[in-house]
């Protein structure tokens, strides 16, 4: 679990692997958004995010990132589920990707 201070402004990063017809697919042509929820809540509000320029070295994992902090996506202290939504062509996958601790 990643931990970030409520005073900090920094990126939350999530690795994304995508396939089409069983082969690797570069999802960076689509838009990406993040949501941060508590408990078992499902996302209702989405924050715009962006893609890093290159996949992780030696992999086909791409990195999506969302800037959080007091002047962007402000989160109060607590534990959040991190969700990622990718809009690409006909598919719009939504995935819960892990947890984030705001201290």
C-alpha atoms as a PDB file:
ATOM      1  CA  UNK A   1       0.000   0.000   0.000  1.00  0.00           C
ATOM      2  CA  UNK A   2       1.351   3.386  -0.995  1.00  0.00           C
ATOM      3  CA  UNK A   3       1.336   6.107   1.675  1.00  0.00           C
ATOM      4  CA  UNK A   4       1.238   9.851   0.928  1.00  0.00           C
ATOM      5  CA  UNK A   5       1.016  12.836   3.291  1.00  0.00           C
ATOM      6  CA  UNK A   6      -2.138  14.961   3.080  1.00  0.00           C
ATOM      7  CA  UNK A   7       0.253  17.944   2.657  1.00  0.00           C
ATOM      8  CA  UNK A   8       2.025  16.469  -0.376  1.00  0.00           C
ATOM      9  CA  UNK A   9       1.281  16.955  -4.069  1.00  0.00           C
ATOM     10  CA  UNK A  10       2.487  13.950  -6.056  1.00  0.00           C
ATOM     11  CA  UNK A  11       1.524  11.325  -8.603  1.00  0.00           C
ATOM     12  CA  UNK A  12      -0.229   8.075  -7.784  1.00  0.00           C
ATOM     13  CA  UNK A  13       1.005   5.570 -10.381  1.00  0.00           C
ATOM     14  CA  UNK A  14      -0.632   2.346 -11.550  1.00  0.00           C
ATOM     15  CA  UNK A  15       0.776  -0.259 -13.916  1.00  0.00           C
ATOM     16  CA  UNK A  16      -1.536  -1.258 -16.769  1.00  0.00           C
ATOM     17  CA  UNK A  17      -1.191  -4.345 -18.977  1.00  0.00           C
ATOM     18  CA  UNK A  18      -3.593  -4.718 -21.874  1.00  0.00           C
ATOM     19  CA  UNK A  19      -4.171  -7.394 -24.491  1.00  0.00           C
ATOM     20  CA  UNK A  20      -6.204  -7.633 -27.680  1.00  0.00           C
ATOM     21  CA  UNK A  21      -6.851 -11.013 -29.266  1.00  0.00           C
ATOM     22  CA  UNK A  22      -4.346 -12.565 -26.866  1.00  0.00           C
ATOM     23  CA  UNK A  23      -1.489 -10.223 -27.783  1.00  0.00           C
ATOM     24  CA  UNK A  24      -0.059  -7.131 -26.096  1.00  0.00           C
ATOM     25  CA  UNK A  25      -1.827  -3.830 -26.704  1.00  0.00           C
ATOM     26  CA  UNK A  26      -0.634  -0.278 -26.074  1.00  0.00           C
ATOM     27  CA  UNK A  27      -3.519   1.442 -24.200  1.00  0.00           C
ATOM     28  CA  UNK A  28      -1.941   4.910 -24.228  1.00  0.00           C
ATOM     29  CA  UNK A  29      -4.016   6.003 -27.223  1.00  0.00           C
ATOM     30  CA  UNK A  30      -7.049   6.067 -24.938  1.00  0.00           C
ATOM     31  CA  UNK A  31      -7.887   8.414 -22.118  1.00  0.00           C
ATOM     32  CA  UNK A  32      -7.337   7.387 -18.503  1.00  0.00           C
ATOM     33  CA  UNK A  33      -9.033   8.478 -15.283  1.00  0.00           C
ATOM     34  CA  UNK A  34      -8.645   7.624 -11.600  1.00  0.00           C
ATOM     35  CA  UNK A  35     -11.143   7.434  -8.748  1.00  0.00           C
ATOM     36  CA  UNK A  36     -10.483   7.155  -5.016  1.00  0.00           C
ATOM     37  CA  UNK A  37     -13.148   5.543  -2.824  1.00  0.00           C
ATOM     38  CA  UNK A  38     -13.477   4.477   0.810  1.00  0.00           C
ATOM     39  CA  UNK A  39     -14.687   1.094   2.019  1.00  0.00           C
ATOM     40  CA  UNK A  40     -16.790  -0.802  -0.497  1.00  0.00           C
ATOM     41  CA  UNK A  41     -18.012   2.297  -2.352  1.00  0.00           C
ATOM     42  CA  UNK A  42     -17.947   2.273  -6.131  1.00  0.00           C
ATOM     43  CA  UNK A  43     -16.546   5.252  -8.044  1.00  0.00           C
ATOM     44  CA  UNK A  44     -18.907   8.134  -8.667  1.00  0.00           C
ATOM     45  CA  UNK A  45     -16.436  10.899  -9.500  1.00  0.00           C
ATOM     46  CA  UNK A  46     -13.438  10.491 -11.772  1.00  0.00           C
ATOM     47  CA  UNK A  47     -10.256  12.589 -11.938  1.00  0.00           C
ATOM     48  CA  UNK A  48      -8.394  13.103 -15.190  1.00  0.00           C
ATOM     49  CA  UNK A  49      -5.078  11.284 -15.366  1.00  0.00           C
ATOM     50  CA  UNK A  50      -2.353  10.765 -17.944  1.00  0.00           C
ATOM     51  CA  UNK A  51       0.029   8.186 -19.326  1.00  0.00           C
ATOM     52  CA  UNK A  52       3.767   8.130 -18.688  1.00  0.00           C
ATOM     53  CA  UNK A  53       5.724   8.182 -21.942  1.00  0.00           C
ATOM     54  CA  UNK A  54       7.088   4.647 -21.947  1.00  0.00           C
ATOM     55  CA  UNK A  55       6.247   1.231 -20.516  1.00  0.00           C
ATOM     56  CA  UNK A  56       8.142  -0.104 -17.519  1.00  0.00           C
ATOM     57  CA  UNK A  57      11.595  -1.306 -18.632  1.00  0.00           C
ATOM     58  CA  UNK A  58      11.630  -4.868 -19.933  1.00  0.00           C
ATOM     59  CA  UNK A  59       7.832  -5.248 -19.746  1.00  0.00           C
ATOM     60  CA  UNK A  60       4.656  -4.498 -21.617  1.00  0.00           C
ATOM     61  CA  UNK A  61       3.262  -2.692 -18.575  1.00  0.00           C
ATOM     62  CA  UNK A  62       2.309   0.937 -19.147  1.00  0.00           C
ATOM     63  CA  UNK A  63       2.006   3.466 -16.336  1.00  0.00           C
ATOM     64  CA  UNK A  64      -1.031   5.647 -15.715  1.00  0.00           C
ATOM     65  CA  UNK A  65      -0.646   8.475 -13.221  1.00  0.00           C
ATOM     66  CA  UNK A  66      -2.909  10.925 -11.413  1.00  0.00           C
ATOM     67  CA  UNK A  67      -1.694  13.990  -9.547  1.00  0.00           C
ATOM     68  CA  UNK A  68      -3.175  14.266  -6.055  1.00  0.00           C
ATOM     69  CA  UNK A  69      -2.699  16.906  -3.393  1.00  0.00           C
ATOM     70  CA  UNK A  70      -4.210  20.003  -1.785  1.00  0.00           C
ATOM     71  CA  UNK A  71      -4.449  21.954  -5.069  1.00  0.00           C
ATOM     72  CA  UNK A  72      -5.499  19.060  -7.326  1.00  0.00           C
ATOM     73  CA  UNK A  73      -7.376  15.949  -6.199  1.00  0.00           C
ATOM     74  CA  UNK A  74      -7.559  16.663  -2.449  1.00  0.00           C
ATOM     75  CA  UNK A  75      -8.017  13.591  -0.254  1.00  0.00           C
ATOM     76  CA  UNK A  76      -8.515  13.679   3.518  1.00  0.00           C
ATOM     77  CA  UNK A  77      -6.544  11.293   5.768  1.00  0.00           C
ATOM     78  CA  UNK A  78      -7.652   7.674   5.510  1.00  0.00           C
ATOM     79  CA  UNK A  79      -7.438   4.572   3.344  1.00  0.00           C
ATOM     80  CA  UNK A  80      -8.730   4.669  -0.230  1.00  0.00           C
ATOM     81  CA  UNK A  81      -9.270   2.111  -2.962  1.00  0.00           C
ATOM     82  CA  UNK A  82      -7.648   3.249  -6.207  1.00  0.00           C
ATOM     83  CA  UNK A  83      -9.644   2.711  -9.411  1.00  0.00           C
ATOM     84  CA  UNK A  84      -8.546   3.189 -13.019  1.00  0.00           C
ATOM     85  CA  UNK A  85     -10.833   3.680 -16.026  1.00  0.00           C
ATOM     86  CA  UNK A  86      -9.496   3.536 -19.583  1.00  0.00           C
ATOM     87  CA  UNK A  87     -11.554   4.700 -22.534  1.00  0.00           C
ATOM     88  CA  UNK A  88     -10.246   3.123 -25.735  1.00  0.00           C
ATOM     89  CA  UNK A  89     -12.273   2.342 -28.846  1.00  0.00           C
ATOM     90  CA  UNK A  90     -15.338   0.295 -27.841  1.00  0.00           C
ATOM     91  CA  UNK A  91     -14.146  -0.976 -24.474  1.00  0.00           C
ATOM     92  CA  UNK A  92     -14.097   1.029 -21.241  1.00  0.00           C
ATOM     93  CA  UNK A  93     -12.499  -1.201 -18.605  1.00  0.00           C
ATOM     94  CA  UNK A  94     -12.754  -0.138 -14.953  1.00  0.00           C
ATOM     95  CA  UNK A  95     -10.413  -1.835 -12.474  1.00  0.00           C
ATOM     96  CA  UNK A  96      -9.783  -1.561  -8.750  1.00  0.00           C
ATOM     97  CA  UNK A  97      -5.996  -1.515  -8.594  1.00  0.00           C
ATOM     98  CA  UNK A  98      -4.986  -1.320  -4.941  1.00  0.00           C
ATOM     99  CA  UNK A  99      -5.066   0.903  -1.898  1.00  0.00           C
ATOM    100  CA  UNK A 100      -3.666   4.288  -0.968  1.00  0.00           C
ATOM    101  CA  UNK A 101      -3.073   5.591   2.569  1.00  0.00           C
ATOM    102  CA  UNK A 102      -3.324   9.353   3.100  1.00  0.00           C
ATOM    103  CA  UNK A 103      -1.660  10.379   6.373  1.00  0.00           C
END
